[in-house]
Amino acid sequence: MRRPLSDGFRITFPIGYMADRHGNIHHPKVEPDEKVKPDDALEAAVHWLESQPDCAR
């Protein structure tokens, strides 16, 4: 995002957006498909990855 200043210069603010695996843009955040407790996040992520055909062991 660029904003003009009174002296003729412009200031640029970098902006980031999140996108899900389908390419849908989410601002300000991506909502998870499945909510888990922080202590269970790693195990849930490994389980999800292993359930994907391209990621299975």
PDB file of N, CA and C in Angstrom:
ATOM      1  N   MET A   1       0.858  -1.165   0.000  1.00  0.00           N
ATOM      2  CA  MET A   1       0.000   0.000   0.000  1.00  0.00           C
ATOM      3  C   MET A   1       0.905   1.229   0.000  1.00  0.00           C
ATOM      4  N   ARG A   2       0.675   2.132  -0.923  1.00  0.00           N
ATOM      5  CA  ARG A   2       1.456   3.372  -1.008  1.00  0.00           C
ATOM      6  C   ARG A   2       0.580   4.549  -0.613  1.00  0.00           C
ATOM      7  N   ARG A   3       1.166   5.455   0.129  1.00  0.00           N
ATOM      8  CA  ARG A   3       0.454   6.664   0.539  1.00  0.00           C
ATOM      9  C   ARG A   3       1.320   7.879   0.202  1.00  0.00           C
ATOM     10  N   PRO A   4       0.733   8.876  -0.460  1.00  0.00           N
ATOM     11  CA  PRO A   4       1.505  10.093  -0.755  1.00  0.00           C
ATOM     12  C   PRO A   4       1.698  10.928   0.512  1.00  0.00           C
ATOM     13  N   LEU A   5       2.835  11.598   0.578  1.00  0.00           N
ATOM     14  CA  LEU A   5       3.130  12.509   1.684  1.00  0.00           C
ATOM     15  C   LEU A   5       3.043  13.945   1.176  1.00  0.00           C
ATOM     16  N   SER A   6       2.926  14.871   2.088  1.00  0.00           N
ATOM     17  CA  SER A   6       2.739  16.275   1.710  1.00  0.00           C
ATOM     18  C   SER A   6       3.925  16.857   0.944  1.00  0.00           C
ATOM     19  N   ASP A   7       5.130  16.283   1.100  1.00  0.00           N
ATOM     20  CA  ASP A   7       6.307  16.805   0.405  1.00  0.00           C
ATOM     21  C   ASP A   7       6.521  16.170  -0.969  1.00  0.00           C
ATOM     22  N   GLY A   8       5.557  15.365  -1.436  1.00  0.00           N
ATOM     23  CA  GLY A   8       5.667  14.752  -2.745  1.00  0.00           C
ATOM     24  C   GLY A   8       6.218  13.336  -2.733  1.00  0.00           C
ATOM     25  N   PHE A   9       6.831  12.946  -1.632  1.00  0.00           N
ATOM     26  CA  PHE A   9       7.323  11.581  -1.521  1.00  0.00           C
ATOM     27  C   PHE A   9       6.161  10.647  -1.213  1.00  0.00           C
ATOM     28  N   ARG A  10       6.419   9.365  -1.355  1.00  0.00           N
ATOM     29  CA  ARG A  10       5.413   8.362  -1.013  1.00  0.00           C
ATOM     30  C   ARG A  10       5.996   7.406   0.011  1.00  0.00           C
ATOM     31  N   ILE A  11       5.156   6.914   0.883  1.00  0.00           N
ATOM     32  CA  ILE A  11       5.582   5.907   1.846  1.00  0.00           C
ATOM     33  C   ILE A  11       4.864   4.609   1.478  1.00  0.00           C
ATOM     34  N   THR A  12       5.592   3.503   1.556  1.00  0.00           N
ATOM     35  CA  THR A  12       5.031   2.204   1.208  1.00  0.00           C
ATOM     36  C   THR A  12       4.956   1.332   2.450  1.00  0.00           C
ATOM     37  N   PHE A  13       3.790   0.762   2.667  1.00  0.00           N
ATOM     38  CA  PHE A  13       3.575  -0.161   3.774  1.00  0.00           C
ATOM     39  C   PHE A  13       3.422  -1.565   3.198  1.00  0.00           C
ATOM     40  N   PRO A  14       4.322  -2.476   3.538  1.00  0.00           N
ATOM     41  CA  PRO A  14       4.156  -3.835   3.037  1.00  0.00           C
ATOM     42  C   PRO A  14       2.949  -4.490   3.690  1.00  0.00           C
ATOM     43  N   ILE A  15       2.182  -5.201   2.904  1.00  0.00           N
ATOM     44  CA  ILE A  15       0.983  -5.868   3.408  1.00  0.00           C
ATOM     45  C   ILE A  15       1.043  -7.324   2.981  1.00  0.00           C
ATOM     46  N   GLY A  16       0.689  -8.197   3.882  1.00  0.00           N
ATOM     47  CA  GLY A  16       0.641  -9.618   3.565  1.00  0.00           C
ATOM     48  C   GLY A  16      -0.767 -10.153   3.715  1.00  0.00           C
ATOM     49  N   TYR A  17      -1.085 -11.130   2.928  1.00  0.00           N
ATOM     50  CA  TYR A  17      -2.376 -11.792   3.005  1.00  0.00           C
ATOM     51  C   TYR A  17      -2.138 -13.287   3.126  1.00  0.00           C
ATOM     52  N   MET A  18      -3.072 -13.962   3.734  1.00  0.00           N
ATOM     53  CA  MET A  18      -2.997 -15.407   3.871  1.00  0.00           C
ATOM     54  C   MET A  18      -3.921 -16.032   2.829  1.00  0.00           C
ATOM     55  N   ALA A  19      -3.498 -17.162   2.271  1.00  0.00           N
ATOM     56  CA  ALA A  19      -4.336 -17.893   1.319  1.00  0.00           C
ATOM     57  C   ALA A  19      -4.418 -19.346   1.761  1.00  0.00           C
ATOM     58  N   ASP A  20      -5.585 -19.952   1.563  1.00  0.00           N
ATOM     59  CA  ASP A  20      -5.721 -21.363   1.903  1.00  0.00           C
ATOM     60  C   ASP A  20      -5.274 -22.227   0.728  1.00  0.00           C
ATOM     61  N   ARG A  21      -5.365 -23.542   0.893  1.00  0.00           N
ATOM     62  CA  ARG A  21      -4.854 -24.449  -0.144  1.00  0.00           C
ATOM     63  C   ARG A  21      -5.650 -24.381  -1.437  1.00  0.00           C
ATOM     64  N   HIS A  22      -6.817 -23.725  -1.408  1.00  0.00           N
ATOM     65  CA  HIS A  22      -7.631 -23.567  -2.612  1.00  0.00           C
ATOM     66  C   HIS A  22      -7.378 -22.229  -3.300  1.00  0.00           C
ATOM     67  N   GLY A  23      -6.482 -21.414  -2.730  1.00  0.00           N
ATOM     68  CA  GLY A  23      -6.162 -20.120  -3.317  1.00  0.00           C
ATOM     69  C   GLY A  23      -7.083 -18.995  -2.881  1.00  0.00           C
ATOM     70  N   ASN A  24      -7.982 -19.269  -1.932  1.00  0.00           N
ATOM     71  CA  ASN A  24      -8.867 -18.219  -1.420  1.00  0.00           C
ATOM     72  C   ASN A  24      -8.104 -17.318  -0.465  1.00  0.00           C
ATOM     73  N   ILE A  25      -8.192 -16.010  -0.674  1.00  0.00           N
ATOM     74  CA  ILE A  25      -7.492 -15.040   0.165  1.00  0.00           C
ATOM     75  C   ILE A  25      -8.295 -14.801   1.441  1.00  0.00           C
ATOM     76  N   HIS A  26      -7.600 -14.822   2.578  1.00  0.00           N
ATOM     77  CA  HIS A  26      -8.229 -14.577   3.877  1.00  0.00           C
ATOM     78  C   HIS A  26      -7.495 -13.433   4.562  1.00  0.00           C
ATOM     79  N   HIS A  27      -8.235 -12.482   5.023  1.00  0.00           N
ATOM     80  CA  HIS A  27      -7.630 -11.356   5.729  1.00  0.00           C
ATOM     81  C   HIS A  27      -8.482 -11.055   6.938  1.00  0.00           C
ATOM     82  N   PRO A  28      -7.998 -11.033   8.124  1.00  0.00           N
ATOM     83  CA  PRO A  28      -6.589 -11.022   8.502  1.00  0.00           C
ATOM     84  C   PRO A  28      -5.992 -12.389   8.801  1.00  0.00           C
ATOM     85  N   LYS A  29      -6.800 -13.476   8.790  1.00  0.00           N
ATOM     86  CA  LYS A  29      -6.217 -14.771   9.131  1.00  0.00           C
ATOM     87  C   LYS A  29      -6.964 -15.889   8.415  1.00  0.00           C
ATOM     88  N   VAL A  30      -6.343 -17.056   8.410  1.00  0.00           N
ATOM     89  CA  VAL A  30      -6.955 -18.254   7.866  1.00  0.00           C
ATOM     90  C   VAL A  30      -7.526 -19.047   9.034  1.00  0.00           C
ATOM     91  N   GLU A  31      -8.791 -19.399   8.943  1.00  0.00           N
ATOM     92  CA  GLU A  31      -9.399 -20.226   9.976  1.00  0.00           C
ATOM     93  C   GLU A  31      -9.002 -21.683   9.719  1.00  0.00           C
ATOM     94  N   PRO A  32      -8.617 -22.408  10.768  1.00  0.00           N
ATOM     95  CA  PRO A  32      -8.210 -23.798  10.570  1.00  0.00           C
ATOM     96  C   PRO A  32      -9.394 -24.690  10.226  1.00  0.00           C
ATOM     97  N   ASP A  33      -9.125 -25.768   9.491  1.00  0.00           N
ATOM     98  CA  ASP A  33     -10.156 -26.763   9.199  1.00  0.00           C
ATOM     99  C   ASP A  33     -10.575 -27.482  10.478  1.00  0.00           C
ATOM    100  N   GLU A  34      -9.614 -27.660  11.349  1.00  0.00           N
ATOM    101  CA  GLU A  34      -9.851 -28.393  12.588  1.00  0.00           C
ATOM    102  C   GLU A  34      -9.116 -27.685  13.718  1.00  0.00           C
ATOM    103  N   LYS A  35      -9.824 -27.379  14.782  1.00  0.00           N
ATOM    104  CA  LYS A  35      -9.186 -26.731  15.928  1.00  0.00           C
ATOM    105  C   LYS A  35      -8.759 -27.786  16.936  1.00  0.00           C
ATOM    106  N   VAL A  36      -7.521 -27.677  17.389  1.00  0.00           N
ATOM    107  CA  VAL A  36      -6.984 -28.591  18.404  1.00  0.00           C
ATOM    108  C   VAL A  36      -6.269 -27.776  19.466  1.00  0.00           C
ATOM    109  N   LYS A  37      -6.063 -28.394  20.610  1.00  0.00           N
ATOM    110  CA  LYS A  37      -5.309 -27.737  21.678  1.00  0.00           C
ATOM    111  C   LYS A  37      -3.857 -27.598  21.238  1.00  0.00           C
ATOM    112  N   PRO A  38      -3.171 -26.536  21.681  1.00  0.00           N
ATOM    113  CA  PRO A  38      -1.771 -26.343  21.265  1.00  0.00           C
ATOM    114  C   PRO A  38      -0.884 -27.560  21.527  1.00  0.00           C
ATOM    115  N   ASP A  39      -1.104 -28.244  22.645  1.00  0.00           N
ATOM    116  CA  ASP A  39      -0.273 -29.412  22.954  1.00  0.00           C
ATOM    117  C   ASP A  39      -0.515 -30.575  21.991  1.00  0.00           C
ATOM    118  N   ASP A  40      -1.666 -30.590  21.314  1.00  0.00           N
ATOM    119  CA  ASP A  40      -2.004 -31.672  20.397  1.00  0.00           C
ATOM    120  C   ASP A  40      -1.765 -31.307  18.933  1.00  0.00           C
ATOM    121  N   ALA A  41      -1.280 -30.105  18.667  1.00  0.00           N
ATOM    122  CA  ALA A  41      -1.156 -29.604  17.292  1.00  0.00           C
ATOM    123  C   ALA A  41      -0.199 -30.440  16.448  1.00  0.00           C
ATOM    124  N   LEU A  42       0.955 -30.792  16.977  1.00  0.00           N
ATOM    125  CA  LEU A  42       1.927 -31.544  16.189  1.00  0.00           C
ATOM    126  C   LEU A  42       1.370 -32.912  15.809  1.00  0.00           C
ATOM    127  N   GLU A  43       0.794 -33.611  16.765  1.00  0.00           N
ATOM    128  CA  GLU A  43       0.227 -34.922  16.479  1.00  0.00           C
ATOM    129  C   GLU A  43      -0.905 -34.832  15.452  1.00  0.00           C
ATOM    130  N   ALA A  44      -1.756 -33.824  15.587  1.00  0.00           N
ATOM    131  CA  ALA A  44      -2.860 -33.638  14.641  1.00  0.00           C
ATOM    132  C   ALA A  44      -2.335 -33.327  13.242  1.00  0.00           C
ATOM    133  N   ALA A  45      -1.278 -32.524  13.158  1.00  0.00           N
ATOM    134  CA  ALA A  45      -0.701 -32.177  11.859  1.00  0.00           C
ATOM    135  C   ALA A  45      -0.091 -33.404  11.189  1.00  0.00           C
ATOM    136  N   VAL A  46       0.630 -34.207  11.953  1.00  0.00           N
ATOM    137  CA  VAL A  46       1.229 -35.424  11.402  1.00  0.00           C
ATOM    138  C   VAL A  46       0.126 -36.372  10.918  1.00  0.00           C
ATOM    139  N   HIS A  47      -0.924 -36.528  11.713  1.00  0.00           N
ATOM    140  CA  HIS A  47      -2.042 -37.391  11.325  1.00  0.00           C
ATOM    141  C   HIS A  47      -2.682 -36.888  10.025  1.00  0.00           C
ATOM    142  N   TRP A  48      -2.890 -35.583   9.930  1.00  0.00           N
ATOM    143  CA  TRP A  48      -3.502 -35.021   8.714  1.00  0.00           C
ATOM    144  C   TRP A  48      -2.602 -35.261   7.505  1.00  0.00           C
ATOM    145  N   LEU A  49      -1.307 -34.985   7.663  1.00  0.00           N
ATOM    146  CA  LEU A  49      -0.385 -35.190   6.550  1.00  0.00           C
ATOM    147  C   LEU A  49      -0.344 -36.650   6.098  1.00  0.00           C
ATOM    148  N   GLU A  50      -0.333 -37.560   7.051  1.00  0.00           N
ATOM    149  CA  GLU A  50      -0.292 -38.972   6.705  1.00  0.00           C
ATOM    150  C   GLU A  50      -1.582 -39.438   6.028  1.00  0.00           C
ATOM    151  N   SER A  51      -2.675 -38.714   6.216  1.00  0.00           N
ATOM    152  CA  SER A  51      -3.940 -39.088   5.588  1.00  0.00           C
ATOM    153  C   SER A  51      -4.050 -38.575   4.153  1.00  0.00           C
ATOM    154  N   GLN A  52      -3.110 -37.739   3.734  1.00  0.00           N
ATOM    155  CA  GLN A  52      -3.107 -37.197   2.376  1.00  0.00           C
ATOM    156  C   GLN A  52      -2.373 -38.151   1.451  1.00  0.00           C
ATOM    157  N   PRO A  53      -2.977 -38.519   0.312  1.00  0.00           N
ATOM    158  CA  PRO A  53      -2.353 -39.499  -0.583  1.00  0.00           C
ATOM    159  C   PRO A  53      -0.922 -39.130  -1.007  1.00  0.00           C
ATOM    160  N   ASP A  54      -0.660 -37.879  -1.248  1.00  0.00           N
ATOM    161  CA  ASP A  54       0.677 -37.471  -1.695  1.00  0.00           C
ATOM    162  C   ASP A  54       1.692 -37.370  -0.573  1.00  0.00           C
ATOM    163  N   CYS A  55       1.229 -37.465   0.676  1.00  0.00           N
ATOM    164  CA  CYS A  55       2.129 -37.317   1.823  1.00  0.00           C
ATOM    165  C   CYS A  55       2.294 -38.609   2.616  1.00  0.00           C
ATOM    166  N   ALA A  56       1.509 -39.617   2.310  1.00  0.00           N
ATOM    167  CA  ALA A  56       1.543 -40.861   3.090  1.00  0.00           C
ATOM    168  C   ALA A  56       2.912 -41.505   2.989  1.00  0.00           C
ATOM    169  N   ARG A  57       3.286 -42.170   4.064  1.00  0.00           N
ATOM    170  CA  ARG A  57       4.593 -42.839   4.097  1.00  0.00           C
ATOM    171  C   ARG A  57       4.605 -44.037   3.198  1.00  0.00           C
TER     172      ARG A  57
END
